[in-house]
Amino acid sequence: MYNNETTIVVSYIIYLMISVTLTVWVARTLHKRGAIFLVDAFHGNAELAASVNHLLVVGFYLINIVFSRIRKHGQNSELRRPPVAPDALLRVTVPR
């Protein structure tokens, strides 16, 4: 019914949907629930707290994008190869 490539694509789409949904939910929760702490930290200056809160949410989204790119970069198979091809074969004998 489904081939292996279709299963992989569907899995990635589901993973992407879950990741984006969780990221947005966490950002909204931090924005909504963190506002009161920022107002307290800025001694009642609600305007400054709202501005900082917005910047923190934007930073949260940007960090998630940066981490995603770092993870993708780390999974690149080209980076897992040794920097130089081996030029010798080491034969080790184990005494019995």
Protein backbone atom coordinates (compact mmCIF):
# COMPACT_ATOMS: atom_id res chain seq x y z
CA MET A 1 0.00 0.00 0.00
CA TYR A 2 2.66 2.54 1.06
CA ASN A 3 6.29 2.34 0.11
CA ASN A 4 9.14 3.15 2.46
CA GLU A 5 9.68 6.67 1.09
CA THR A 6 6.03 7.58 1.62
CA THR A 7 6.21 6.38 5.21
CA ILE A 8 9.30 8.50 5.84
CA VAL A 9 7.70 11.61 4.31
CA VAL A 10 4.52 11.13 6.34
CA SER A 11 6.59 10.64 9.50
CA TYR A 12 8.52 13.86 8.86
CA ILE A 13 5.31 15.79 8.21
CA ILE A 14 3.78 14.51 11.45
CA TYR A 15 7.02 15.33 13.33
CA LEU A 16 7.07 18.83 11.84
CA MET A 17 3.44 19.46 12.76
CA ILE A 18 3.98 18.29 16.34
CA SER A 19 7.21 20.31 16.69
CA VAL A 20 5.68 23.52 15.36
CA THR A 21 2.56 23.09 17.49
CA LEU A 22 4.59 22.51 20.65
CA THR A 23 6.90 25.43 19.89
CA VAL A 24 3.98 27.81 19.37
CA TRP A 25 2.20 26.52 22.48
CA VAL A 26 5.30 26.93 24.66
CA ALA A 27 5.96 30.42 23.28
CA ARG A 28 2.38 31.53 23.92
CA THR A 29 2.40 30.03 27.42
CA LEU A 30 5.70 31.74 28.27
CA HIS A 31 4.40 35.02 26.87
CA LYS A 32 1.12 34.86 28.77
CA ARG A 33 2.34 33.44 32.08
CA GLY A 34 5.71 35.20 32.12
CA ALA A 35 4.28 38.70 31.80
CA ILE A 36 3.46 38.97 35.50
CA PHE A 37 7.02 38.04 36.47
CA LEU A 38 8.48 40.60 34.10
CA VAL A 39 6.22 43.35 35.44
CA ASP A 40 7.44 42.47 38.93
CA ALA A 41 11.08 42.37 37.78
CA PHE A 42 10.73 45.82 36.19
CA HIS A 43 9.08 47.26 39.32
CA GLY A 44 5.64 47.73 37.80
CA ASN A 45 6.74 49.16 34.45
CA ALA A 46 4.19 47.24 32.34
CA GLU A 47 5.23 48.83 29.06
CA LEU A 48 8.86 47.80 29.45
CA ALA A 49 7.81 44.33 30.63
CA ALA A 50 5.56 43.88 27.56
CA SER A 51 8.37 44.95 25.25
CA VAL A 52 10.88 42.57 26.85
CA ASN A 53 8.29 39.80 26.86
CA HIS A 54 7.78 40.22 23.13
CA LEU A 55 11.53 40.18 22.51
CA LEU A 56 11.86 36.99 24.56
CA VAL A 57 9.18 35.26 22.48
CA VAL A 58 10.89 36.30 19.23
CA GLY A 59 14.19 35.07 20.63
CA PHE A 60 12.56 31.76 21.59
CA TYR A 61 11.38 31.26 18.00
CA LEU A 62 14.79 32.20 16.61
CA ILE A 63 16.61 29.83 18.97
CA ASN A 64 14.33 26.99 17.89
CA ILE A 65 15.12 27.74 14.25
CA VAL A 66 18.91 27.94 14.98
CA PHE A 67 18.79 24.64 16.92
CA SER A 68 16.94 23.04 14.03
CA ARG A 69 19.63 24.14 11.60
CA ILE A 70 22.43 23.00 13.90
CA ARG A 71 20.77 19.61 14.27
CA LYS A 72 20.35 19.29 10.51
CA HIS A 73 23.99 20.30 10.01
CA GLY A 74 25.13 17.71 12.55
CA GLN A 75 23.23 14.96 10.78
CA ASN A 76 24.99 15.60 7.48
CA SER A 77 26.73 12.37 6.51
CA GLU A 78 29.61 14.27 4.93
CA LEU A 79 30.61 15.53 8.37
CA ARG A 80 30.81 12.05 9.85
CA ARG A 81 33.58 10.88 7.57
CA PRO A 82 37.15 11.02 8.83
CA PRO A 83 39.01 14.12 7.63
CA VAL A 84 41.55 12.00 5.72
CA ALA A 85 41.25 8.55 4.28
CA PRO A 86 43.16 5.91 6.24
CA ASP A 87 46.47 5.02 4.58
CA ALA A 88 47.30 1.90 6.57
CA LEU A 89 45.61 -1.11 8.05
CA LEU A 90 46.50 -1.96 11.61
CA ARG A 91 46.54 -5.67 12.29
CA VAL A 92 46.32 -6.58 15.93
CA THR A 93 46.84 -10.09 17.21
CA VAL A 94 45.41 -11.06 20.54
CA PRO A 95 47.50 -13.55 22.54
CA ARG A 96 45.63 -16.65 23.60
